[in-house]
């Protein structure tokens, strides 16, 4: 099951599908385990809200993970 990721301003910036996070073009950006976001190299870089359903929110500190949408 996939979930949409929205930034702190409510803008759709990515998709969680299983244990991976993709940008809106389908490019894999991060690994995802639990609520933790990891670079593909394994480095922990942030967290997603534990919200249920089809939408997960970034907080302001993790908006930078999707820099093209940080305005």
PDB file of N, CA and C in Angstrom:
ATOM      1  N   UNK A   1       0.839  -1.179   0.000  1.00  0.00           N
ATOM      2  CA  UNK A   1       0.000   0.000   0.000  1.00  0.00           C
ATOM      3  C   UNK A   1       0.884   1.243   0.000  1.00  0.00           C
ATOM      4  N   UNK A   2       0.529   2.242  -0.769  1.00  0.00           N
ATOM      5  CA  UNK A   2       1.323   3.455  -0.825  1.00  0.00           C
ATOM      6  C   UNK A   2       0.631   4.595  -0.086  1.00  0.00           C
ATOM      7  N   UNK A   3       1.439   5.560   0.348  1.00  0.00           N
ATOM      8  CA  UNK A   3       0.953   6.745   1.047  1.00  0.00           C
ATOM      9  C   UNK A   3       1.592   7.966   0.422  1.00  0.00           C
ATOM     10  N   UNK A   4       0.842   9.049   0.378  1.00  0.00           N
ATOM     11  CA  UNK A   4       1.382  10.314  -0.087  1.00  0.00           C
ATOM     12  C   UNK A   4       2.150  10.980   1.045  1.00  0.00           C
ATOM     13  N   UNK A   5       3.202  11.715   0.680  1.00  0.00           N
ATOM     14  CA  UNK A   5       3.950  12.507   1.643  1.00  0.00           C
ATOM     15  C   UNK A   5       3.678  13.970   1.318  1.00  0.00           C
ATOM     16  N   UNK A   6       3.289  14.736   2.333  1.00  0.00           N
ATOM     17  CA  UNK A   6       3.086  16.171   2.167  1.00  0.00           C
ATOM     18  C   UNK A   6       4.041  16.902   3.096  1.00  0.00           C
ATOM     19  N   UNK A   7       4.515  18.065   2.653  1.00  0.00           N
ATOM     20  CA  UNK A   7       5.435  18.827   3.495  1.00  0.00           C
ATOM     21  C   UNK A   7       4.659  19.614   4.547  1.00  0.00           C
ATOM     22  N   UNK A   8       5.356  20.426   5.322  1.00  0.00           N
ATOM     23  CA  UNK A   8       4.722  21.153   6.422  1.00  0.00           C
ATOM     24  C   UNK A   8       3.709  22.180   5.939  1.00  0.00           C
ATOM     25  N   UNK A   9       3.755  22.524   4.650  1.00  0.00           N
ATOM     26  CA  UNK A   9       2.790  23.468   4.076  1.00  0.00           C
ATOM     27  C   UNK A   9       1.640  22.760   3.375  1.00  0.00           C
ATOM     28  N   UNK A  10       1.629  21.435   3.428  1.00  0.00           N
ATOM     29  CA  UNK A  10       0.546  20.673   2.821  1.00  0.00           C
ATOM     30  C   UNK A  10       0.715  20.378   1.342  1.00  0.00           C
ATOM     31  N   UNK A  11       1.924  20.585   0.802  1.00  0.00           N
ATOM     32  CA  UNK A  11       2.207  20.334  -0.621  1.00  0.00           C
ATOM     33  C   UNK A  11       2.670  18.892  -0.800  1.00  0.00           C
ATOM     34  N   UNK A  12       2.060  18.188  -1.745  1.00  0.00           N
ATOM     35  CA  UNK A  12       2.418  16.797  -2.046  1.00  0.00           C
ATOM     36  C   UNK A  12       3.827  16.765  -2.625  1.00  0.00           C
ATOM     37  N   UNK A  13       4.749  16.051  -1.965  1.00  0.00           N
ATOM     38  CA  UNK A  13       6.147  16.042  -2.397  1.00  0.00           C
ATOM     39  C   UNK A  13       6.715  14.664  -2.681  1.00  0.00           C
ATOM     40  N   UNK A  14       6.030  13.599  -2.269  1.00  0.00           N
ATOM     41  CA  UNK A  14       6.574  12.270  -2.490  1.00  0.00           C
ATOM     42  C   UNK A  14       5.568  11.179  -2.193  1.00  0.00           C
ATOM     43  N   UNK A  15       6.042   9.934  -2.342  1.00  0.00           N
ATOM     44  CA  UNK A  15       5.189   8.765  -2.144  1.00  0.00           C
ATOM     45  C   UNK A  15       5.974   7.707  -1.385  1.00  0.00           C
ATOM     46  N   UNK A  16       5.343   7.122  -0.372  1.00  0.00           N
ATOM     47  CA  UNK A  16       5.902   5.958   0.319  1.00  0.00           C
ATOM     48  C   UNK A  16       5.247   4.735  -0.294  1.00  0.00           C
ATOM     49  N   UNK A  17       6.065   3.804  -0.738  1.00  0.00           N
ATOM     50  CA  UNK A  17       5.539   2.543  -1.269  1.00  0.00           C
ATOM     51  C   UNK A  17       6.362   1.431  -0.635  1.00  0.00           C
ATOM     52  N   UNK A  18       5.754   0.732   0.310  1.00  0.00           N
ATOM     53  CA  UNK A  18       6.483  -0.308   1.028  1.00  0.00           C
ATOM     54  C   UNK A  18       7.576   0.296   1.875  1.00  0.00           C
ATOM     55  N   UNK A  19       8.809  -0.121   1.655  1.00  0.00           N
ATOM     56  CA  UNK A  19       9.946   0.382   2.425  1.00  0.00           C
ATOM     57  C   UNK A  19      10.799   1.347   1.614  1.00  0.00           C
ATOM     58  N   UNK A  20      10.169   2.086   0.687  1.00  0.00           N
ATOM     59  CA  UNK A  20      10.891   3.045  -0.139  1.00  0.00           C
ATOM     60  C   UNK A  20      10.092   4.339  -0.262  1.00  0.00           C
ATOM     61  N   UNK A  21      10.828   5.445  -0.426  1.00  0.00           N
ATOM     62  CA  UNK A  21      10.220   6.745  -0.672  1.00  0.00           C
ATOM     63  C   UNK A  21      10.668   7.213  -2.040  1.00  0.00           C
ATOM     64  N   UNK A  22       9.700   7.644  -2.839  1.00  0.00           N
ATOM     65  CA  UNK A  22       9.934   8.080  -4.211  1.00  0.00           C
ATOM     66  C   UNK A  22       9.534   9.539  -4.368  1.00  0.00           C
ATOM     67  N   UNK A  23      10.209  10.231  -5.306  1.00  0.00           N
ATOM     68  CA  UNK A  23       9.738  11.570  -5.645  1.00  0.00           C
ATOM     69  C   UNK A  23       8.525  11.438  -6.553  1.00  0.00           C
ATOM     70  N   UNK A  24       7.979  12.545  -6.991  1.00  0.00           N
ATOM     71  CA  UNK A  24       6.750  12.506  -7.788  1.00  0.00           C
ATOM     72  C   UNK A  24       6.966  12.000  -9.204  1.00  0.00           C
ATOM     73  N   UNK A  25       8.233  11.862  -9.628  1.00  0.00           N
ATOM     74  CA  UNK A  25       8.517  11.305 -10.954  1.00  0.00           C
ATOM     75  C   UNK A  25       8.756   9.800 -10.895  1.00  0.00           C
ATOM     76  N   UNK A  26       8.776   9.234  -9.666  1.00  0.00           N
ATOM     77  CA  UNK A  26       8.985   7.799  -9.515  1.00  0.00           C
ATOM     78  C   UNK A  26      10.409   7.399  -9.188  1.00  0.00           C
ATOM     79  N   UNK A  27      11.306   8.377  -9.004  1.00  0.00           N
ATOM     80  CA  UNK A  27      12.702   8.083  -8.665  1.00  0.00           C
ATOM     81  C   UNK A  27      12.810   7.761  -7.173  1.00  0.00           C
ATOM     82  N   UNK A  28      13.453   6.630  -6.840  1.00  0.00           N
ATOM     83  CA  UNK A  28      13.639   6.251  -5.440  1.00  0.00           C
ATOM     84  C   UNK A  28      14.642   7.197  -4.793  1.00  0.00           C
ATOM     85  N   UNK A  29      14.224   7.816  -3.680  1.00  0.00           N
ATOM     86  CA  UNK A  29      15.075   8.768  -2.983  1.00  0.00           C
ATOM     87  C   UNK A  29      15.611   8.241  -1.659  1.00  0.00           C
ATOM     88  N   UNK A  30      14.767   7.532  -0.910  1.00  0.00           N
ATOM     89  CA  UNK A  30      15.096   7.122   0.450  1.00  0.00           C
ATOM     90  C   UNK A  30      14.532   5.738   0.744  1.00  0.00           C
ATOM     91  N   UNK A  31      15.107   5.106   1.757  1.00  0.00           N
ATOM     92  CA  UNK A  31      14.528   3.899   2.338  1.00  0.00           C
ATOM     93  C   UNK A  31      13.680   4.340   3.522  1.00  0.00           C
ATOM     94  N   UNK A  32      12.674   3.544   3.862  1.00  0.00           N
ATOM     95  CA  UNK A  32      11.734   3.904   4.913  1.00  0.00           C
ATOM     96  C   UNK A  32      11.470   2.682   5.779  1.00  0.00           C
ATOM     97  N   UNK A  33      11.723   2.820   7.082  1.00  0.00           N
ATOM     98  CA  UNK A  33      11.487   1.712   8.021  1.00  0.00           C
ATOM     99  C   UNK A  33      10.825   2.275   9.265  1.00  0.00           C
ATOM    100  N   UNK A  34       9.633   1.773   9.601  1.00  0.00           N
ATOM    101  CA  UNK A  34       8.889   2.319  10.735  1.00  0.00           C
ATOM    102  C   UNK A  34       8.447   3.731  10.422  1.00  0.00           C
ATOM    103  N   UNK A  35       8.989   4.708  11.152  1.00  0.00           N
ATOM    104  CA  UNK A  35       8.750   6.114  10.820  1.00  0.00           C
ATOM    105  C   UNK A  35      10.042   6.797  10.371  1.00  0.00           C
ATOM    106  N   UNK A  36      11.127   6.036  10.278  1.00  0.00           N
ATOM    107  CA  UNK A  36      12.445   6.586   9.976  1.00  0.00           C
ATOM    108  C   UNK A  36      12.715   6.633   8.475  1.00  0.00           C
ATOM    109  N   UNK A  37      13.361   7.732   8.052  1.00  0.00           N
ATOM    110  CA  UNK A  37      13.764   7.928   6.663  1.00  0.00           C
ATOM    111  C   UNK A  37      15.283   7.815   6.600  1.00  0.00           C
ATOM    112  N   UNK A  38      15.771   6.979   5.692  1.00  0.00           N
ATOM    113  CA  UNK A  38      17.206   6.745   5.534  1.00  0.00           C
ATOM    114  C   UNK A  38      17.641   7.060   4.107  1.00  0.00           C
ATOM    115  N   UNK A  39      18.828   7.663   3.976  1.00  0.00           N
ATOM    116  CA  UNK A  39      19.441   7.778   2.642  1.00  0.00           C
ATOM    117  C   UNK A  39      19.676   6.362   2.136  1.00  0.00           C
ATOM    118  N   UNK A  40      19.850   6.214   0.853  1.00  0.00           N
ATOM    119  CA  UNK A  40      20.098   4.892   0.280  1.00  0.00           C
ATOM    120  C   UNK A  40      21.401   4.295   0.807  1.00  0.00           C
ATOM    121  N   UNK A  41      22.282   5.150   1.338  1.00  0.00           N
ATOM    122  CA  UNK A  41      23.535   4.682   1.939  1.00  0.00           C
ATOM    123  C   UNK A  41      23.335   4.132   3.348  1.00  0.00           C
ATOM    124  N   UNK A  42      22.139   4.307   3.923  1.00  0.00           N
ATOM    125  CA  UNK A  42      21.851   3.802   5.250  1.00  0.00           C
ATOM    126  C   UNK A  42      21.838   4.847   6.348  1.00  0.00           C
ATOM    127  N   UNK A  43      22.190   6.094   6.038  1.00  0.00           N
ATOM    128  CA  UNK A  43      22.229   7.164   7.035  1.00  0.00           C
ATOM    129  C   UNK A  43      20.812   7.638   7.382  1.00  0.00           C
ATOM    130  N   UNK A  44      20.497   7.693   8.674  1.00  0.00           N
ATOM    131  CA  UNK A  44      19.209   8.203   9.136  1.00  0.00           C
ATOM    132  C   UNK A  44      19.152   9.707   8.875  1.00  0.00           C
ATOM    133  N   UNK A  45      18.094  10.171   8.193  1.00  0.00           N
ATOM    134  CA  UNK A  45      17.995  11.595   7.861  1.00  0.00           C
ATOM    135  C   UNK A  45      16.719  12.264   8.342  1.00  0.00           C
ATOM    136  N   UNK A  46      15.744  11.509   8.821  1.00  0.00           N
ATOM    137  CA  UNK A  46      14.524  12.147   9.291  1.00  0.00           C
ATOM    138  C   UNK A  46      13.457  11.150   9.669  1.00  0.00           C
ATOM    139  N   UNK A  47      12.270  11.695   9.929  1.00  0.00           N
ATOM    140  CA  UNK A  47      11.129  10.895  10.356  1.00  0.00           C
ATOM    141  C   UNK A  47       9.866  11.403   9.682  1.00  0.00           C
ATOM    142  N   UNK A  48       8.909  10.523   9.511  1.00  0.00           N
ATOM    143  CA  UNK A  48       7.577  10.903   9.058  1.00  0.00           C
ATOM    144  C   UNK A  48       6.620  10.777  10.223  1.00  0.00           C
ATOM    145  N   UNK A  49       5.537  11.514  10.150  1.00  0.00           N
ATOM    146  CA  UNK A  49       4.511  11.385  11.183  1.00  0.00           C
ATOM    147  C   UNK A  49       3.960   9.968  11.166  1.00  0.00           C
ATOM    148  N   UNK A  50       3.418   9.545  12.274  1.00  0.00           N
ATOM    149  CA  UNK A  50       2.846   8.201  12.363  1.00  0.00           C
ATOM    150  C   UNK A  50       1.393   8.192  11.911  1.00  0.00           C
ATOM    151  N   UNK A  51       0.968   9.210  11.204  1.00  0.00           N
ATOM    152  CA  UNK A  51      -0.412   9.295  10.766  1.00  0.00           C
ATOM    153  C   UNK A  51      -0.860   8.073   9.987  1.00  0.00           C
ATOM    154  N   UNK A  52      -2.041   7.687  10.198  1.00  0.00           N
ATOM    155  CA  UNK A  52      -2.605   6.529   9.511  1.00  0.00           C
ATOM    156  C   UNK A  52      -3.279   6.998   8.231  1.00  0.00           C
ATOM    157  N   UNK A  53      -3.512   6.063   7.343  1.00  0.00           N
ATOM    158  CA  UNK A  53      -4.203   6.399   6.111  1.00  0.00           C
ATOM    159  C   UNK A  53      -3.250   6.658   4.977  1.00  0.00           C
ATOM    160  N   UNK A  54      -3.712   7.410   4.003  1.00  0.00           N
ATOM    161  CA  UNK A  54      -2.953   7.572   2.770  1.00  0.00           C
ATOM    162  C   UNK A  54      -2.088   8.824   2.747  1.00  0.00           C
ATOM    163  N   UNK A  55      -1.938   9.541   3.858  1.00  0.00           N
ATOM    164  CA  UNK A  55      -1.125  10.754   3.874  1.00  0.00           C
ATOM    165  C   UNK A  55      -0.207  10.779   5.076  1.00  0.00           C
ATOM    166  N   UNK A  56       1.076  11.076   4.815  1.00  0.00           N
ATOM    167  CA  UNK A  56       2.067  11.217   5.874  1.00  0.00           C
ATOM    168  C   UNK A  56       2.655  12.610   5.761  1.00  0.00           C
ATOM    169  N   UNK A  57       2.887  13.246   6.900  1.00  0.00           N
ATOM    170  CA  UNK A  57       3.377  14.622   6.917  1.00  0.00           C
ATOM    171  C   UNK A  57       4.835  14.717   7.343  1.00  0.00           C
ATOM    172  N   UNK A  58       5.539  15.626   6.679  1.00  0.00           N
ATOM    173  CA  UNK A  58       6.878  16.016   7.100  1.00  0.00           C
ATOM    174  C   UNK A  58       6.734  17.183   8.068  1.00  0.00           C
ATOM    175  N   UNK A  59       7.647  17.294   9.019  1.00  0.00           N
ATOM    176  CA  UNK A  59       7.662  18.522   9.804  1.00  0.00           C
ATOM    177  C   UNK A  59       8.662  19.473   9.149  1.00  0.00           C
ATOM    178  N   UNK A  60       8.731  20.709   9.629  1.00  0.00           N
ATOM    179  CA  UNK A  60       9.584  21.712   8.980  1.00  0.00           C
ATOM    180  C   UNK A  60      11.038  21.271   8.888  1.00  0.00           C
ATOM    181  N   UNK A  61      11.520  20.548   9.891  1.00  0.00           N
ATOM    182  CA  UNK A  61      12.930  20.136   9.883  1.00  0.00           C
ATOM    183  C   UNK A  61      13.238  19.099   8.802  1.00  0.00           C
ATOM    184  N   UNK A  62      12.242  18.361   8.345  1.00  0.00           N
ATOM    185  CA  UNK A  62      12.483  17.362   7.304  1.00  0.00           C
ATOM    186  C   UNK A  62      11.991  17.806   5.924  1.00  0.00           C
ATOM    187  N   UNK A  63      11.409  19.010   5.826  1.00  0.00           N
ATOM    188  CA  UNK A  63      11.039  19.550   4.514  1.00  0.00           C
ATOM    189  C   UNK A  63      12.236  19.581   3.570  1.00  0.00           C
ATOM    190  N   UNK A  64      13.434  19.782   4.124  1.00  0.00           N
ATOM    191  CA  UNK A  64      14.651  19.889   3.308  1.00  0.00           C
ATOM    192  C   UNK A  64      14.958  18.610   2.526  1.00  0.00           C
ATOM    193  N   UNK A  65      14.333  17.494   2.889  1.00  0.00           N
ATOM    194  CA  UNK A  65      14.562  16.249   2.164  1.00  0.00           C
ATOM    195  C   UNK A  65      13.973  16.300   0.756  1.00  0.00           C
ATOM    196  N   UNK A  66      13.086  17.244   0.528  1.00  0.00           N
ATOM    197  CA  UNK A  66      12.453  17.447  -0.781  1.00  0.00           C
ATOM    198  C   UNK A  66      12.642  18.916  -1.166  1.00  0.00           C
ATOM    199  N   UNK A  67      13.893  19.342  -1.468  1.00  0.00           N
ATOM    200  CA  UNK A  67      14.226  20.758  -1.607  1.00  0.00           C
ATOM    201  C   UNK A  67      13.491  21.488  -2.730  1.00  0.00           C
ATOM    202  N   UNK A  68      13.071  20.810  -3.749  1.00  0.00           N
ATOM    203  CA  UNK A  68      12.358  21.492  -4.830  1.00  0.00           C
ATOM    204  C   UNK A  68      11.000  21.987  -4.422  1.00  0.00           C
ATOM    205  N   UNK A  69      10.546  21.611  -3.223  1.00  0.00           N
ATOM    206  CA  UNK A  69       9.202  21.959  -2.769  1.00  0.00           C
ATOM    207  C   UNK A  69       9.230  22.683  -1.435  1.00  0.00           C
ATOM    208  N   UNK A  70      10.368  23.243  -1.047  1.00  0.00           N
ATOM    209  CA  UNK A  70      10.497  23.838   0.290  1.00  0.00           C
ATOM    210  C   UNK A  70      10.038  25.283   0.371  1.00  0.00           C
ATOM    211  N   UNK A  71       9.565  25.879  -0.716  1.00  0.00           N
ATOM    212  CA  UNK A  71       9.199  27.292  -0.665  1.00  0.00           C
ATOM    213  C   UNK A  71       8.071  27.556   0.239  1.00  0.00           C
TER     214      UNK A  71
END
